Amino acid sequence: MEIKNTEKTRTIKIDTDNGAILLIYVIKVKISIQNKELELSETFSQQLIFDYTSEEAIKQLASIEHMMYELDRKADEFINKVKEIFLSLEQVIENHGYKVI
């Protein structure tokens, strides 16, 4: 059993009609077990309302940077949780007398 691929995709959409910034973060983890592959994914999103004044724009950029950091942290937590689950699964399989190749 191996984790073959971890993909993080960050998307920022600016909705000028509604004065909002939408942050979308998608994590995909591809796991290979013998000849079978399993892909798990999780999506986090956050919408930030913004004002067009320059001072407010600077504050919003700071908010975006902070939120992207938080989404990145959540993505890493998700990936680590997937690893923990499959490590536990390997242990259960081995405890029942099977060998994980």
C-alpha atoms as a PDB file:
ATOM      1  CA  MET A   1       0.000   0.000   0.000  1.00  0.00           C
ATOM      2  CA  GLU A   2       1.438   3.366  -0.960  1.00  0.00           C
ATOM      3  CA  ILE A   3       0.324   6.930  -1.341  1.00  0.00           C
ATOM      4  CA  LYS A   4       1.153   7.620  -4.980  1.00  0.00           C
ATOM      5  CA  ASN A   5       0.131  11.199  -5.433  1.00  0.00           C
ATOM      6  CA  THR A   6      -0.986  14.163  -3.381  1.00  0.00           C
ATOM      7  CA  GLU A   7      -2.393  17.107  -5.273  1.00  0.00           C
ATOM      8  CA  LYS A   8      -3.409  20.481  -3.846  1.00  0.00           C
ATOM      9  CA  THR A   9      -5.281  22.940  -6.048  1.00  0.00           C
ATOM     10  CA  ARG A  10      -5.899  26.504  -4.933  1.00  0.00           C
ATOM     11  CA  THR A  11      -8.407  28.688  -6.764  1.00  0.00           C
ATOM     12  CA  ILE A  12      -9.250  32.310  -6.064  1.00  0.00           C
ATOM     13  CA  LYS A  13     -12.345  33.747  -7.746  1.00  0.00           C
ATOM     14  CA  ILE A  14     -13.170  37.433  -7.540  1.00  0.00           C
ATOM     15  CA  ASP A  15     -16.865  38.241  -7.850  1.00  0.00           C
ATOM     16  CA  THR A  16     -16.941  41.982  -8.562  1.00  0.00           C
ATOM     17  CA  ASP A  17     -20.753  42.067  -8.781  1.00  0.00           C
ATOM     18  CA  ASN A  18     -21.137  40.945  -5.179  1.00  0.00           C
ATOM     19  CA  GLY A  19     -17.856  42.329  -3.833  1.00  0.00           C
ATOM     20  CA  ALA A  20     -16.617  38.931  -2.715  1.00  0.00           C
ATOM     21  CA  ILE A  21     -13.522  36.796  -3.027  1.00  0.00           C
ATOM     22  CA  LEU A  22     -14.070  33.042  -3.032  1.00  0.00           C
ATOM     23  CA  LEU A  23     -11.167  30.821  -1.997  1.00  0.00           C
ATOM     24  CA  ILE A  24     -11.452  27.179  -3.036  1.00  0.00           C
ATOM     25  CA  TYR A  25      -8.951  24.544  -1.987  1.00  0.00           C
ATOM     26  CA  VAL A  26      -9.146  20.978  -3.315  1.00  0.00           C
ATOM     27  CA  ILE A  27      -6.954  18.152  -2.007  1.00  0.00           C
ATOM     28  CA  LYS A  28      -6.711  14.829  -3.824  1.00  0.00           C
ATOM     29  CA  VAL A  29      -4.817  11.864  -2.446  1.00  0.00           C
ATOM     30  CA  LYS A  30      -4.272   8.845  -4.690  1.00  0.00           C
ATOM     31  CA  ILE A  31      -3.569   5.579  -2.879  1.00  0.00           C
ATOM     32  CA  SER A  32      -2.373   2.405  -4.564  1.00  0.00           C
ATOM     33  CA  ILE A  33      -3.142  -0.984  -3.019  1.00  0.00           C
ATOM     34  CA  GLN A  34      -1.666  -3.739  -5.155  1.00  0.00           C
ATOM     35  CA  ASN A  35      -3.071  -3.078  -8.651  1.00  0.00           C
ATOM     36  CA  LYS A  36      -6.012  -0.983  -7.478  1.00  0.00           C
ATOM     37  CA  GLU A  37      -6.017   2.767  -7.015  1.00  0.00           C
ATOM     38  CA  LEU A  38      -8.252   4.778  -4.734  1.00  0.00           C
ATOM     39  CA  GLU A  39      -8.591   8.538  -4.972  1.00  0.00           C
ATOM     40  CA  LEU A  40      -9.860  10.538  -2.022  1.00  0.00           C
ATOM     41  CA  SER A  41     -10.642  14.219  -2.231  1.00  0.00           C
ATOM     42  CA  GLU A  42     -11.726  16.995   0.073  1.00  0.00           C
ATOM     43  CA  THR A  43     -12.749  20.563  -0.767  1.00  0.00           C
ATOM     44  CA  PHE A  44     -12.549  23.545   1.558  1.00  0.00           C
ATOM     45  CA  SER A  45     -13.887  26.954   0.592  1.00  0.00           C
ATOM     46  CA  GLN A  46     -14.195  30.352   2.184  1.00  0.00           C
ATOM     47  CA  GLN A  47     -15.854  33.524   0.927  1.00  0.00           C
ATOM     48  CA  LEU A  48     -14.500  36.928   1.919  1.00  0.00           C
ATOM     49  CA  ILE A  49     -16.471  40.134   1.339  1.00  0.00           C
ATOM     50  CA  PHE A  50     -14.314  43.080   0.271  1.00  0.00           C
ATOM     51  CA  ASP A  51     -14.415  46.821  -0.297  1.00  0.00           C
ATOM     52  CA  TYR A  52     -12.641  48.561  -3.166  1.00  0.00           C
ATOM     53  CA  THR A  53     -10.803  51.249  -1.157  1.00  0.00           C
ATOM     54  CA  SER A  54      -7.017  50.872  -1.161  1.00  0.00           C
ATOM     55  CA  GLU A  55      -6.719  50.507   2.625  1.00  0.00           C
ATOM     56  CA  GLU A  56      -9.434  47.908   2.616  1.00  0.00           C
ATOM     57  CA  ALA A  57      -7.794  46.101  -0.311  1.00  0.00           C
ATOM     58  CA  ILE A  58      -4.550  45.743   1.669  1.00  0.00           C
ATOM     59  CA  LYS A  59      -6.495  44.329   4.621  1.00  0.00           C
ATOM     60  CA  GLN A  60      -8.291  41.917   2.303  1.00  0.00           C
ATOM     61  CA  LEU A  61      -4.995  40.714   0.820  1.00  0.00           C
ATOM     62  CA  ALA A  62      -3.815  39.979   4.353  1.00  0.00           C
ATOM     63  CA  SER A  63      -7.082  38.112   4.993  1.00  0.00           C
ATOM     64  CA  ILE A  64      -6.628  36.103   1.801  1.00  0.00           C
ATOM     65  CA  GLU A  65      -3.057  35.215   2.728  1.00  0.00           C
ATOM     66  CA  HIS A  66      -4.156  34.127   6.206  1.00  0.00           C
ATOM     67  CA  MET A  67      -7.088  32.109   4.864  1.00  0.00           C
ATOM     68  CA  MET A  68      -4.883  30.354   2.283  1.00  0.00           C
ATOM     69  CA  TYR A  69      -2.511  29.452   5.126  1.00  0.00           C
ATOM     70  CA  GLU A  70      -5.458  28.017   7.092  1.00  0.00           C
ATOM     71  CA  LEU A  71      -6.710  26.065   4.080  1.00  0.00           C
ATOM     72  CA  ASP A  72      -3.193  24.731   3.486  1.00  0.00           C
ATOM     73  CA  ARG A  73      -3.061  23.603   7.118  1.00  0.00           C
ATOM     74  CA  LYS A  74      -6.455  21.867   6.744  1.00  0.00           C
ATOM     75  CA  ALA A  75      -5.214  20.161   3.582  1.00  0.00           C
ATOM     76  CA  ASP A  76      -2.161  18.820   5.409  1.00  0.00           C
ATOM     77  CA  GLU A  77      -4.400  17.608   8.254  1.00  0.00           C
ATOM     78  CA  PHE A  78      -6.592  15.765   5.728  1.00  0.00           C
ATOM     79  CA  ILE A  79      -3.574  14.127   4.078  1.00  0.00           C
ATOM     80  CA  ASN A  80      -2.146  13.079   7.450  1.00  0.00           C
ATOM     81  CA  LYS A  81      -5.532  11.665   8.502  1.00  0.00           C
ATOM     82  CA  VAL A  82      -5.667   9.580   5.299  1.00  0.00           C
ATOM     83  CA  LYS A  83      -2.162   8.271   6.046  1.00  0.00           C
ATOM     84  CA  GLU A  84      -3.174   7.409   9.638  1.00  0.00           C
ATOM     85  CA  ILE A  85      -6.307   5.580   8.476  1.00  0.00           C
ATOM     86  CA  PHE A  86      -4.407   3.458   5.984  1.00  0.00           C
ATOM     87  CA  LEU A  87      -1.623   2.733   8.467  1.00  0.00           C
ATOM     88  CA  SER A  88      -4.306   1.525  10.904  1.00  0.00           C
ATOM     89  CA  LEU A  89      -5.861  -0.543   8.118  1.00  0.00           C
ATOM     90  CA  GLU A  90      -2.493  -2.170   7.400  1.00  0.00           C
ATOM     91  CA  GLN A  91      -2.125  -3.041  11.090  1.00  0.00           C
ATOM     92  CA  VAL A  92      -5.610  -4.586  11.247  1.00  0.00           C
ATOM     93  CA  ILE A  93      -4.911  -6.636   8.111  1.00  0.00           C
ATOM     94  CA  GLU A  94      -1.573  -7.851   9.498  1.00  0.00           C
ATOM     95  CA  ASN A  95      -3.158  -8.645  12.884  1.00  0.00           C
ATOM     96  CA  HIS A  96      -5.478 -11.049  11.045  1.00  0.00           C
ATOM     97  CA  GLY A  97      -2.530 -12.917   9.584  1.00  0.00           C
ATOM     98  CA  TYR A  98      -2.348 -11.286   6.169  1.00  0.00           C
ATOM     99  CA  LYS A  99       0.662  -9.512   4.765  1.00  0.00           C
ATOM    100  CA  VAL A 100       0.339  -6.134   3.053  1.00  0.00           C
ATOM    101  CA  ILE A 101       2.610  -6.016   0.018  1.00  0.00           C
END
